[in-house]
């Protein structure tokens, strides 16, 4: 049996997955996108399966060189017909919030009113038709990175004049209306094999845009969660979570997004716009960090089901 490669750069997020695969006796390799190479002339791969777990936020952890390199390696694996979970097409969507908007538009799904731009000089023109407050977010982000809220035109324009706007590692940014979430919570729908797996409601503090489900430390009823994917001394986020059951409309929309993006394993975040009650989809994730302490939140272990899925994919 050829070994499976788990391609990732975060030392804690995927410990539960490695533990589950080890329990099943499946040989695995941990490949680090921050320091990697391949031979473009090879005609076959020593790997039986590749699970792409590269994170767009890797540049925050010294992994900038892995982001664009990964696109090249995934294209190479595609030529060799190596089974890849979350392959080239999925990672292309993962690393472009602008492409995510194009995808949502193609499916006629709601998303925050947005503008995509590549230079601060375009801010004033791009703002036409946008209501305040707004958020400016880097096209390549992850974990809430590079998102800043501006409550007034004056604050935004002054930041532009002071060269205080961060357009991220590809010099592309999204300017979006800030959506007030009804009930103070967002919904995250997780999908596996393109199909609905579970959903959670995350109650936010409003102080952070980092809603990583593996970092959530408390259920909505106050029960402390065991964050197995994080170091035990990780700071608590203040986020609270509970299981929920989305409508058939939302589930079908999320499955359509995954099919269009060719994402095998991922999560979609959405909310209800408190201004008009509309459903707003705002983030598509090909890097799915399952909720902390899942047995006590959703009633089952998603890593076990993920391992089942990987076994099936490895068969080609």
C-alpha atoms as a PDB file:
ATOM      1  CA  UNK A   1       0.000   0.000   0.000  1.00  0.00           C
ATOM      2  CA  UNK A   2       1.420   3.357  -1.024  1.00  0.00           C
ATOM      3  CA  UNK A   3       1.446   5.843   1.855  1.00  0.00           C
ATOM      4  CA  UNK A   4      -1.043   8.666   2.038  1.00  0.00           C
ATOM      5  CA  UNK A   5       0.274  12.207   2.231  1.00  0.00           C
ATOM      6  CA  UNK A   6      -1.382  14.728   4.524  1.00  0.00           C
ATOM      7  CA  UNK A   7      -0.115  18.001   3.094  1.00  0.00           C
ATOM      8  CA  UNK A   8      -0.312  20.660   5.809  1.00  0.00           C
ATOM      9  CA  UNK A   9       1.686  23.228   7.772  1.00  0.00           C
ATOM     10  CA  UNK A  10      -0.296  23.626  11.010  1.00  0.00           C
ATOM     11  CA  UNK A  11       1.057  21.480  13.811  1.00  0.00           C
ATOM     12  CA  UNK A  12      -2.184  21.164  15.797  1.00  0.00           C
ATOM     13  CA  UNK A  13      -5.251  21.298  13.541  1.00  0.00           C
ATOM     14  CA  UNK A  14      -4.936  17.775  12.150  1.00  0.00           C
ATOM     15  CA  UNK A  15      -3.805  15.771  15.147  1.00  0.00           C
ATOM     16  CA  UNK A  16      -7.211  14.045  15.437  1.00  0.00           C
ATOM     17  CA  UNK A  17      -7.012  12.965  11.788  1.00  0.00           C
ATOM     18  CA  UNK A  18      -3.528  11.494  12.166  1.00  0.00           C
ATOM     19  CA  UNK A  19      -4.683   9.670  15.313  1.00  0.00           C
ATOM     20  CA  UNK A  20      -7.669   8.140  13.471  1.00  0.00           C
ATOM     21  CA  UNK A  21      -5.580   7.015  10.495  1.00  0.00           C
ATOM     22  CA  UNK A  22      -2.926   5.576  12.804  1.00  0.00           C
ATOM     23  CA  UNK A  23      -5.626   3.661  14.687  1.00  0.00           C
ATOM     24  CA  UNK A  24      -6.636   2.088  11.364  1.00  0.00           C
ATOM     25  CA  UNK A  25      -3.050   1.170  10.506  1.00  0.00           C
ATOM     26  CA  UNK A  26      -2.954   3.396   7.417  1.00  0.00           C
ATOM     27  CA  UNK A  27       0.592   4.560   6.553  1.00  0.00           C
ATOM     28  CA  UNK A  28       0.758   8.344   6.299  1.00  0.00           C
ATOM     29  CA  UNK A  29       3.325  11.015   5.559  1.00  0.00           C
ATOM     30  CA  UNK A  30       3.140  14.571   6.824  1.00  0.00           C
ATOM     31  CA  UNK A  31       4.310  16.840   4.006  1.00  0.00           C
ATOM     32  CA  UNK A  32       5.083  20.454   4.829  1.00  0.00           C
ATOM     33  CA  UNK A  33       4.134  22.975   2.078  1.00  0.00           C
ATOM     34  CA  UNK A  34       6.652  25.452   3.491  1.00  0.00           C
ATOM     35  CA  UNK A  35       9.585  23.295   2.356  1.00  0.00           C
ATOM     36  CA  UNK A  36       8.794  20.895  -0.473  1.00  0.00           C
ATOM     37  CA  UNK A  37       9.903  19.893  -3.964  1.00  0.00           C
ATOM     38  CA  UNK A  38       8.851  17.654  -6.850  1.00  0.00           C
ATOM     39  CA  UNK A  39      10.245  16.360 -10.139  1.00  0.00           C
ATOM     40  CA  UNK A  40       8.054  17.509 -13.057  1.00  0.00           C
ATOM     41  CA  UNK A  41       9.438  14.695 -15.251  1.00  0.00           C
ATOM     42  CA  UNK A  42       8.204  11.826 -13.076  1.00  0.00           C
ATOM     43  CA  UNK A  43       5.603   9.573 -14.637  1.00  0.00           C
ATOM     44  CA  UNK A  44       4.179   8.102 -11.443  1.00  0.00           C
ATOM     45  CA  UNK A  45       3.944   9.086  -7.800  1.00  0.00           C
ATOM     46  CA  UNK A  46       5.008   7.118  -4.718  1.00  0.00           C
ATOM     47  CA  UNK A  47       1.869   8.407  -2.985  1.00  0.00           C
ATOM     48  CA  UNK A  48      -1.392   6.497  -2.882  1.00  0.00           C
ATOM     49  CA  UNK A  49      -3.454   9.558  -2.011  1.00  0.00           C
ATOM     50  CA  UNK A  50      -2.854  13.212  -1.201  1.00  0.00           C
ATOM     51  CA  UNK A  51      -5.067  15.109   1.204  1.00  0.00           C
ATOM     52  CA  UNK A  52      -4.469  18.806   0.571  1.00  0.00           C
ATOM     53  CA  UNK A  53      -4.756  20.647   3.888  1.00  0.00           C
ATOM     54  CA  UNK A  54      -2.797  23.732   2.887  1.00  0.00           C
ATOM     55  CA  UNK A  55      -4.174  26.832   4.600  1.00  0.00           C
ATOM     56  CA  UNK A  56      -4.507  30.284   2.993  1.00  0.00           C
ATOM     57  CA  UNK A  57      -3.488  31.748   6.356  1.00  0.00           C
ATOM     58  CA  UNK A  58      -0.112  29.954   6.245  1.00  0.00           C
ATOM     59  CA  UNK A  59       1.637  33.238   5.486  1.00  0.00           C
ATOM     60  CA  UNK A  60       0.871  34.243   9.080  1.00  0.00           C
ATOM     61  CA  UNK A  61       3.005  31.318  10.247  1.00  0.00           C
ATOM     62  CA  UNK A  62       6.005  31.767   7.962  1.00  0.00           C
ATOM     63  CA  UNK A  63       4.469  29.770   5.131  1.00  0.00           C
ATOM     64  CA  UNK A  64       3.979  32.346   2.375  1.00  0.00           C
ATOM     65  CA  UNK A  65       6.088  30.344  -0.077  1.00  0.00           C
ATOM     66  CA  UNK A  66       3.687  27.413   0.180  1.00  0.00           C
ATOM     67  CA  UNK A  67       0.579  29.215  -1.081  1.00  0.00           C
ATOM     68  CA  UNK A  68       1.375  29.676  -4.762  1.00  0.00           C
ATOM     69  CA  UNK A  69       3.747  26.708  -4.902  1.00  0.00           C
ATOM     70  CA  UNK A  70       0.859  24.419  -3.925  1.00  0.00           C
ATOM     71  CA  UNK A  71      -1.038  25.357  -7.093  1.00  0.00           C
ATOM     72  CA  UNK A  72       1.881  24.115  -9.189  1.00  0.00           C
ATOM     73  CA  UNK A  73       2.252  20.841  -7.274  1.00  0.00           C
ATOM     74  CA  UNK A  74      -1.470  20.086  -7.418  1.00  0.00           C
ATOM     75  CA  UNK A  75      -1.379  20.575 -11.193  1.00  0.00           C
ATOM     76  CA  UNK A  76       1.498  18.087 -11.338  1.00  0.00           C
ATOM     77  CA  UNK A  77      -0.459  15.537  -9.268  1.00  0.00           C
ATOM     78  CA  UNK A  78      -3.463  16.012 -11.536  1.00  0.00           C
ATOM     79  CA  UNK A  79      -1.343  15.034 -14.551  1.00  0.00           C
ATOM     80  CA  UNK A  80      -0.169  11.894 -12.723  1.00  0.00           C
ATOM     81  CA  UNK A  81      -3.788  11.032 -11.838  1.00  0.00           C
ATOM     82  CA  UNK A  82      -2.958  10.757  -8.145  1.00  0.00           C
ATOM     83  CA  UNK A  83      -6.147  10.749  -6.038  1.00  0.00           C
ATOM     84  CA  UNK A  84      -6.168  14.208  -4.461  1.00  0.00           C
ATOM     85  CA  UNK A  85      -8.754  15.328  -1.933  1.00  0.00           C
ATOM     86  CA  UNK A  86      -9.349  19.071  -2.360  1.00  0.00           C
ATOM     87  CA  UNK A  87      -7.273  19.289  -5.501  1.00  0.00           C
ATOM     88  CA  UNK A  88      -6.291  22.052  -7.876  1.00  0.00           C
ATOM     89  CA  UNK A  89      -9.757  23.416  -8.625  1.00  0.00           C
ATOM     90  CA  UNK A  90     -10.731  23.444  -4.939  1.00  0.00           C
ATOM     91  CA  UNK A  91      -7.524  25.170  -3.878  1.00  0.00           C
ATOM     92  CA  UNK A  92      -7.967  27.775  -6.599  1.00  0.00           C
ATOM     93  CA  UNK A  93     -11.295  28.734  -5.006  1.00  0.00           C
ATOM     94  CA  UNK A  94      -9.842  28.476  -1.497  1.00  0.00           C
ATOM     95  CA  UNK A  95      -7.161  31.024  -2.303  1.00  0.00           C
ATOM     96  CA  UNK A  96      -9.399  33.652  -3.890  1.00  0.00           C
ATOM     97  CA  UNK A  97     -12.301  35.308  -2.120  1.00  0.00           C
ATOM     98  CA  UNK A  98     -12.933  37.166  -5.381  1.00  0.00           C
ATOM     99  CA  UNK A  99     -13.442  33.872  -7.220  1.00  0.00           C
ATOM    100  CA  UNK A 100     -15.762  32.786  -4.432  1.00  0.00           C
ATOM    101  CA  UNK A 101     -17.967  35.790  -5.161  1.00  0.00           C
ATOM    102  CA  UNK A 102     -18.017  34.927  -8.862  1.00  0.00           C
ATOM    103  CA  UNK A 103     -19.063  31.391  -7.964  1.00  0.00           C
ATOM    104  CA  UNK A 104     -21.868  32.603  -5.673  1.00  0.00           C
ATOM    105  CA  UNK A 105     -23.060  34.995  -8.371  1.00  0.00           C
ATOM    106  CA  UNK A 106     -23.143  32.163 -10.922  1.00  0.00           C
ATOM    107  CA  UNK A 107     -25.452  30.223  -8.575  1.00  0.00           C
ATOM    108  CA  UNK A 108     -27.662  33.272  -7.903  1.00  0.00           C
ATOM    109  CA  UNK A 109     -26.911  33.070  -4.170  1.00  0.00           C
ATOM    110  CA  UNK A 110     -26.816  36.082  -1.875  1.00  0.00           C
ATOM    111  CA  UNK A 111     -23.518  37.515  -0.647  1.00  0.00           C
ATOM    112  CA  UNK A 112     -22.397  40.857   0.830  1.00  0.00           C
ATOM    113  CA  UNK A 113     -22.467  43.728  -1.643  1.00  0.00           C
ATOM    114  CA  UNK A 114     -18.846  43.847  -2.758  1.00  0.00           C
ATOM    115  CA  UNK A 115     -16.168  45.459  -4.862  1.00  0.00           C
ATOM    116  CA  UNK A 116     -12.852  43.877  -5.870  1.00  0.00           C
ATOM    117  CA  UNK A 117      -9.890  46.208  -6.317  1.00  0.00           C
ATOM    118  CA  UNK A 118      -6.108  46.211  -6.441  1.00  0.00           C
ATOM    119  CA  UNK A 119      -5.089  49.737  -5.426  1.00  0.00           C
ATOM    120  CA  UNK A 120      -6.155  52.213  -2.705  1.00  0.00           C
ATOM    121  CA  UNK A 121      -6.553  54.948  -5.320  1.00  0.00           C
ATOM    122  CA  UNK A 122      -9.720  53.174  -6.474  1.00  0.00           C
ATOM    123  CA  UNK A 123     -11.452  53.248  -3.086  1.00  0.00           C
ATOM    124  CA  UNK A 124     -13.636  56.306  -3.628  1.00  0.00           C
ATOM    125  CA  UNK A 125     -14.936  55.180  -7.016  1.00  0.00           C
ATOM    126  CA  UNK A 126     -15.462  51.604  -5.815  1.00  0.00           C
ATOM    127  CA  UNK A 127     -17.483  52.817  -2.817  1.00  0.00           C
ATOM    128  CA  UNK A 128     -20.407  53.970  -4.961  1.00  0.00           C
ATOM    129  CA  UNK A 129     -23.509  52.024  -3.954  1.00  0.00           C
ATOM    130  CA  UNK A 130     -21.881  50.533  -0.825  1.00  0.00           C
ATOM    131  CA  UNK A 131     -23.424  51.175   2.605  1.00  0.00           C
ATOM    132  CA  UNK A 132     -21.401  51.701   5.774  1.00  0.00           C
ATOM    133  CA  UNK A 133     -20.060  50.135   7.870  1.00  0.00           C
ATOM    134  CA  UNK A 134     -17.783  48.177   5.518  1.00  0.00           C
ATOM    135  CA  UNK A 135     -15.026  45.633   5.835  1.00  0.00           C
ATOM    136  CA  UNK A 136     -11.878  45.472   3.778  1.00  0.00           C
ATOM    137  CA  UNK A 137     -10.531  41.950   3.452  1.00  0.00           C
ATOM    138  CA  UNK A 138      -7.524  40.476   1.687  1.00  0.00           C
ATOM    139  CA  UNK A 139      -8.339  38.232  -1.272  1.00  0.00           C
ATOM    140  CA  UNK A 140      -6.139  35.513   0.264  1.00  0.00           C
ATOM    141  CA  UNK A 141      -6.909  35.321   3.939  1.00  0.00           C
ATOM    142  CA  UNK A 142      -8.091  32.653   6.336  1.00  0.00           C
ATOM    143  CA  UNK A 143      -8.614  32.661  10.115  1.00  0.00           C
ATOM    144  CA  UNK A 144      -9.955  36.197   9.882  1.00  0.00           C
ATOM    145  CA  UNK A 145      -6.606  37.494   8.655  1.00  0.00           C
ATOM    146  CA  UNK A 146      -6.489  40.861   6.926  1.00  0.00           C
ATOM    147  CA  UNK A 147     -10.079  41.891   7.707  1.00  0.00           C
ATOM    148  CA  UNK A 148     -10.638  45.442   8.998  1.00  0.00           C
ATOM    149  CA  UNK A 149     -13.948  47.176   9.686  1.00  0.00           C
ATOM    150  CA  UNK A 150     -14.504  50.860   8.835  1.00  0.00           C
ATOM    151  CA  UNK A 151     -17.571  52.608  10.194  1.00  0.00           C
ATOM    152  CA  UNK A 152     -17.326  55.839   8.182  1.00  0.00           C
ATOM    153  CA  UNK A 153     -16.156  57.042   4.794  1.00  0.00           C
ATOM    154  CA  UNK A 154     -13.792  59.434   6.518  1.00  0.00           C
ATOM    155  CA  UNK A 155     -12.017  56.620   8.379  1.00  0.00           C
ATOM    156  CA  UNK A 156     -11.684  54.516   5.224  1.00  0.00           C
ATOM    157  CA  UNK A 157     -10.472  57.377   3.022  1.00  0.00           C
ATOM    158  CA  UNK A 158      -7.984  58.503   5.659  1.00  0.00           C
ATOM    159  CA  UNK A 159      -6.562  54.973   5.877  1.00  0.00           C
ATOM    160  CA  UNK A 160      -6.227  54.964   2.082  1.00  0.00           C
ATOM    161  CA  UNK A 161      -4.423  58.313   2.113  1.00  0.00           C
ATOM    162  CA  UNK A 162      -2.126  57.126   4.906  1.00  0.00           C
ATOM    163  CA  UNK A 163      -1.319  53.924   2.988  1.00  0.00           C
ATOM    164  CA  UNK A 164      -2.817  51.988   5.864  1.00  0.00           C
ATOM    165  CA  UNK A 165      -4.819  49.507   3.803  1.00  0.00           C
ATOM    166  CA  UNK A 166      -3.602  45.919   3.574  1.00  0.00           C
ATOM    167  CA  UNK A 167      -4.383  44.332   0.204  1.00  0.00           C
ATOM    168  CA  UNK A 168      -2.719  41.045   1.135  1.00  0.00           C
ATOM    169  CA  UNK A 169      -0.123  38.853  -0.483  1.00  0.00           C
ATOM    170  CA  UNK A 170      -1.613  39.044  -3.996  1.00  0.00           C
ATOM    171  CA  UNK A 171      -2.332  42.794  -3.791  1.00  0.00           C
ATOM    172  CA  UNK A 172      -6.058  42.222  -4.258  1.00  0.00           C
ATOM    173  CA  UNK A 173      -8.773  43.167  -1.779  1.00  0.00           C
ATOM    174  CA  UNK A 174     -12.521  42.967  -1.318  1.00  0.00           C
ATOM    175  CA  UNK A 175     -14.529  45.912  -0.058  1.00  0.00           C
ATOM    176  CA  UNK A 176     -17.813  44.644   1.358  1.00  0.00           C
ATOM    177  CA  UNK A 177     -20.787  45.875   3.281  1.00  0.00           C
ATOM    178  CA  UNK A 178     -20.644  44.749   6.901  1.00  0.00           C
ATOM    179  CA  UNK A 179     -23.613  42.458   7.493  1.00  0.00           C
ATOM    180  CA  UNK A 180     -25.307  42.624  10.914  1.00  0.00           C
ATOM    181  CA  UNK A 181     -25.940  38.968  11.762  1.00  0.00           C
ATOM    182  CA  UNK A 182     -29.405  38.255  13.071  1.00  0.00           C
ATOM    183  CA  UNK A 183     -29.213  36.856  16.596  1.00  0.00           C
ATOM    184  CA  UNK A 184     -25.489  37.624  16.776  1.00  0.00           C
ATOM    185  CA  UNK A 185     -24.539  34.304  15.244  1.00  0.00           C
ATOM    186  CA  UNK A 186     -23.375  32.809  11.973  1.00  0.00           C
ATOM    187  CA  UNK A 187     -23.998  29.319  10.619  1.00  0.00           C
ATOM    188  CA  UNK A 188     -21.210  27.067   9.410  1.00  0.00           C
ATOM    189  CA  UNK A 189     -22.206  24.095   7.277  1.00  0.00           C
ATOM    190  CA  UNK A 190     -19.650  21.297   6.942  1.00  0.00           C
ATOM    191  CA  UNK A 191     -19.720  18.983   3.935  1.00  0.00           C
ATOM    192  CA  UNK A 192     -17.926  15.735   3.165  1.00  0.00           C
ATOM    193  CA  UNK A 193     -17.788  14.243  -0.299  1.00  0.00           C
ATOM    194  CA  UNK A 194     -19.822  17.256  -1.374  1.00  0.00           C
ATOM    195  CA  UNK A 195     -22.729  16.227   0.875  1.00  0.00           C
ATOM    196  CA  UNK A 196     -24.077  17.741   4.088  1.00  0.00           C
ATOM    197  CA  UNK A 197     -22.290  16.434   7.195  1.00  0.00           C
ATOM    198  CA  UNK A 198     -23.398  18.737  10.012  1.00  0.00           C
ATOM    199  CA  UNK A 199     -23.945  22.390  10.852  1.00  0.00           C
ATOM    200  CA  UNK A 200     -23.218  24.612  13.815  1.00  0.00           C
ATOM    201  CA  UNK A 201     -24.270  28.057  14.949  1.00  0.00           C
ATOM    202  CA  UNK A 202     -21.383  30.167  16.222  1.00  0.00           C
ATOM    203  CA  UNK A 203     -22.200  33.091  18.502  1.00  0.00           C
ATOM    204  CA  UNK A 204     -19.569  35.755  18.053  1.00  0.00           C
ATOM    205  CA  UNK A 205     -18.255  38.411  20.393  1.00  0.00           C
ATOM    206  CA  UNK A 206     -18.063  40.936  17.558  1.00  0.00           C
ATOM    207  CA  UNK A 207     -14.428  41.618  18.418  1.00  0.00           C
ATOM    208  CA  UNK A 208     -12.844  39.188  15.974  1.00  0.00           C
ATOM    209  CA  UNK A 209     -13.351  37.813  12.472  1.00  0.00           C
ATOM    210  CA  UNK A 210     -11.527  34.578  13.353  1.00  0.00           C
ATOM    211  CA  UNK A 211     -14.286  31.958  13.612  1.00  0.00           C
ATOM    212  CA  UNK A 212     -12.137  28.828  13.357  1.00  0.00           C
ATOM    213  CA  UNK A 213     -14.401  26.034  14.684  1.00  0.00           C
ATOM    214  CA  UNK A 214     -11.453  24.124  16.158  1.00  0.00           C
ATOM    215  CA  UNK A 215     -10.733  27.109  18.425  1.00  0.00           C
ATOM    216  CA  UNK A 216     -14.224  27.364  19.934  1.00  0.00           C
ATOM    217  CA  UNK A 217     -14.027  26.843  23.671  1.00  0.00           C
ATOM    218  CA  UNK A 218     -17.615  26.747  24.906  1.00  0.00           C
ATOM    219  CA  UNK A 219     -21.041  25.367  24.059  1.00  0.00           C
ATOM    220  CA  UNK A 220     -23.969  27.769  24.070  1.00  0.00           C
ATOM    221  CA  UNK A 221     -25.077  26.307  27.431  1.00  0.00           C
ATOM    222  CA  UNK A 222     -21.723  27.181  28.991  1.00  0.00           C
ATOM    223  CA  UNK A 223     -20.136  23.712  28.899  1.00  0.00           C
ATOM    224  CA  UNK A 224     -16.370  23.933  28.327  1.00  0.00           C
ATOM    225  CA  UNK A 225     -15.145  22.093  25.229  1.00  0.00           C
ATOM    226  CA  UNK A 226     -12.004  20.007  24.847  1.00  0.00           C
ATOM    227  CA  UNK A 227     -10.116  21.596  21.954  1.00  0.00           C
ATOM    228  CA  UNK A 228      -8.232  18.558  20.720  1.00  0.00           C
ATOM    229  CA  UNK A 229      -7.006  20.319  17.590  1.00  0.00           C
ATOM    230  CA  UNK A 230      -5.342  23.131  19.536  1.00  0.00           C
ATOM    231  CA  UNK A 231      -2.566  23.342  22.142  1.00  0.00           C
ATOM    232  CA  UNK A 232      -3.939  23.165  25.679  1.00  0.00           C
ATOM    233  CA  UNK A 233      -2.619  26.624  26.474  1.00  0.00           C
ATOM    234  CA  UNK A 234      -4.229  28.293  23.439  1.00  0.00           C
ATOM    235  CA  UNK A 235      -6.102  31.470  24.395  1.00  0.00           C
ATOM    236  CA  UNK A 236      -9.862  31.129  24.628  1.00  0.00           C
ATOM    237  CA  UNK A 237     -11.703  32.877  21.822  1.00  0.00           C
ATOM    238  CA  UNK A 238     -14.953  33.711  23.564  1.00  0.00           C
ATOM    239  CA  UNK A 239     -16.906  31.992  20.789  1.00  0.00           C
ATOM    240  CA  UNK A 240     -19.870  29.805  21.682  1.00  0.00           C
ATOM    241  CA  UNK A 241     -21.300  27.020  19.555  1.00  0.00           C
ATOM    242  CA  UNK A 242     -24.298  24.743  19.241  1.00  0.00           C
ATOM    243  CA  UNK A 243     -25.444  22.174  16.716  1.00  0.00           C
ATOM    244  CA  UNK A 244     -28.193  23.227  14.327  1.00  0.00           C
ATOM    245  CA  UNK A 245     -30.205  21.893  11.407  1.00  0.00           C
ATOM    246  CA  UNK A 246     -30.260  24.186   8.362  1.00  0.00           C
ATOM    247  CA  UNK A 247     -33.217  24.356   6.021  1.00  0.00           C
ATOM    248  CA  UNK A 248     -33.315  22.185   2.911  1.00  0.00           C
ATOM    249  CA  UNK A 249     -32.787  25.396   0.922  1.00  0.00           C
ATOM    250  CA  UNK A 250     -29.481  26.101   2.666  1.00  0.00           C
ATOM    251  CA  UNK A 251     -28.283  22.500   2.446  1.00  0.00           C
ATOM    252  CA  UNK A 252     -29.014  22.332  -1.288  1.00  0.00           C
ATOM    253  CA  UNK A 253     -27.267  25.672  -1.834  1.00  0.00           C
ATOM    254  CA  UNK A 254     -24.177  24.546   0.078  1.00  0.00           C
ATOM    255  CA  UNK A 255     -24.003  21.277  -1.842  1.00  0.00           C
ATOM    256  CA  UNK A 256     -24.298  23.227  -5.098  1.00  0.00           C
ATOM    257  CA  UNK A 257     -21.408  25.477  -4.010  1.00  0.00           C
ATOM    258  CA  UNK A 258     -19.219  22.473  -3.231  1.00  0.00           C
ATOM    259  CA  UNK A 259     -20.015  20.837  -6.570  1.00  0.00           C
ATOM    260  CA  UNK A 260     -19.246  24.021  -8.504  1.00  0.00           C
ATOM    261  CA  UNK A 261     -15.993  24.578  -6.575  1.00  0.00           C
ATOM    262  CA  UNK A 262     -15.014  20.880  -6.779  1.00  0.00           C
ATOM    263  CA  UNK A 263     -14.335  20.910  -3.030  1.00  0.00           C
ATOM    264  CA  UNK A 264     -14.417  17.448  -1.458  1.00  0.00           C
ATOM    265  CA  UNK A 265     -14.191  18.454   2.199  1.00  0.00           C
ATOM    266  CA  UNK A 266     -15.028  21.936   3.387  1.00  0.00           C
ATOM    267  CA  UNK A 267     -17.222  24.382   5.192  1.00  0.00           C
ATOM    268  CA  UNK A 268     -19.470  27.256   4.134  1.00  0.00           C
ATOM    269  CA  UNK A 269     -20.303  30.177   6.374  1.00  0.00           C
ATOM    270  CA  UNK A 270     -23.530  32.119   6.110  1.00  0.00           C
ATOM    271  CA  UNK A 271     -25.762  34.385   8.136  1.00  0.00           C
ATOM    272  CA  UNK A 272     -29.149  36.041   8.121  1.00  0.00           C
ATOM    273  CA  UNK A 273     -28.899  39.749   7.303  1.00  0.00           C
ATOM    274  CA  UNK A 274     -30.713  41.409  10.201  1.00  0.00           C
ATOM    275  CA  UNK A 275     -31.666  44.342   7.952  1.00  0.00           C
ATOM    276  CA  UNK A 276     -33.926  42.381   5.619  1.00  0.00           C
ATOM    277  CA  UNK A 277     -33.883  38.702   6.650  1.00  0.00           C
ATOM    278  CA  UNK A 278     -32.041  37.520   3.544  1.00  0.00           C
ATOM    279  CA  UNK A 279     -29.544  34.634   3.545  1.00  0.00           C
ATOM    280  CA  UNK A 280     -25.993  35.820   2.944  1.00  0.00           C
ATOM    281  CA  UNK A 281     -23.189  33.398   2.040  1.00  0.00           C
ATOM    282  CA  UNK A 282     -19.824  34.959   2.776  1.00  0.00           C
ATOM    283  CA  UNK A 283     -17.050  32.368   3.017  1.00  0.00           C
ATOM    284  CA  UNK A 284     -16.191  29.121   1.227  1.00  0.00           C
ATOM    285  CA  UNK A 285     -13.567  26.987   2.947  1.00  0.00           C
ATOM    286  CA  UNK A 286     -11.723  24.060   1.405  1.00  0.00           C
ATOM    287  CA  UNK A 287      -9.807  23.749   4.662  1.00  0.00           C
ATOM    288  CA  UNK A 288     -12.309  22.292   7.097  1.00  0.00           C
ATOM    289  CA  UNK A 289     -11.270  22.302  10.739  1.00  0.00           C
ATOM    290  CA  UNK A 290     -14.006  20.328  12.449  1.00  0.00           C
ATOM    291  CA  UNK A 291     -15.643  21.743  15.539  1.00  0.00           C
ATOM    292  CA  UNK A 292     -13.886  21.288  18.866  1.00  0.00           C
ATOM    293  CA  UNK A 293     -15.102  18.383  21.033  1.00  0.00           C
ATOM    294  CA  UNK A 294     -17.519  17.159  18.333  1.00  0.00           C
ATOM    295  CA  UNK A 295     -19.054  14.315  20.370  1.00  0.00           C
ATOM    296  CA  UNK A 296     -20.453  16.850  22.841  1.00  0.00           C
ATOM    297  CA  UNK A 297     -21.525  19.352  20.178  1.00  0.00           C
ATOM    298  CA  UNK A 298     -22.836  17.385  17.190  1.00  0.00           C
ATOM    299  CA  UNK A 299     -23.050  13.871  18.650  1.00  0.00           C
ATOM    300  CA  UNK A 300     -20.507  12.034  16.482  1.00  0.00           C
ATOM    301  CA  UNK A 301     -16.855  12.048  15.444  1.00  0.00           C
ATOM    302  CA  UNK A 302     -16.461  13.659  11.996  1.00  0.00           C
ATOM    303  CA  UNK A 303     -12.835  12.512  11.780  1.00  0.00           C
ATOM    304  CA  UNK A 304     -14.009   8.891  11.677  1.00  0.00           C
ATOM    305  CA  UNK A 305     -16.323   9.679   8.756  1.00  0.00           C
ATOM    306  CA  UNK A 306     -13.535  11.649   7.088  1.00  0.00           C
ATOM    307  CA  UNK A 307     -11.254   8.608   7.347  1.00  0.00           C
ATOM    308  CA  UNK A 308     -13.980   6.449   5.788  1.00  0.00           C
ATOM    309  CA  UNK A 309     -14.186   8.914   2.901  1.00  0.00           C
ATOM    310  CA  UNK A 310     -10.408   8.939   2.399  1.00  0.00           C
ATOM    311  CA  UNK A 311     -10.406   5.137   2.232  1.00  0.00           C
ATOM    312  CA  UNK A 312     -12.996   5.238  -0.550  1.00  0.00           C
ATOM    313  CA  UNK A 313     -11.120   7.955  -2.452  1.00  0.00           C
ATOM    314  CA  UNK A 314      -7.863   6.007  -2.250  1.00  0.00           C
ATOM    315  CA  UNK A 315      -9.478   3.214  -4.252  1.00  0.00           C
ATOM    316  CA  UNK A 316      -9.661   5.553  -7.257  1.00  0.00           C
END
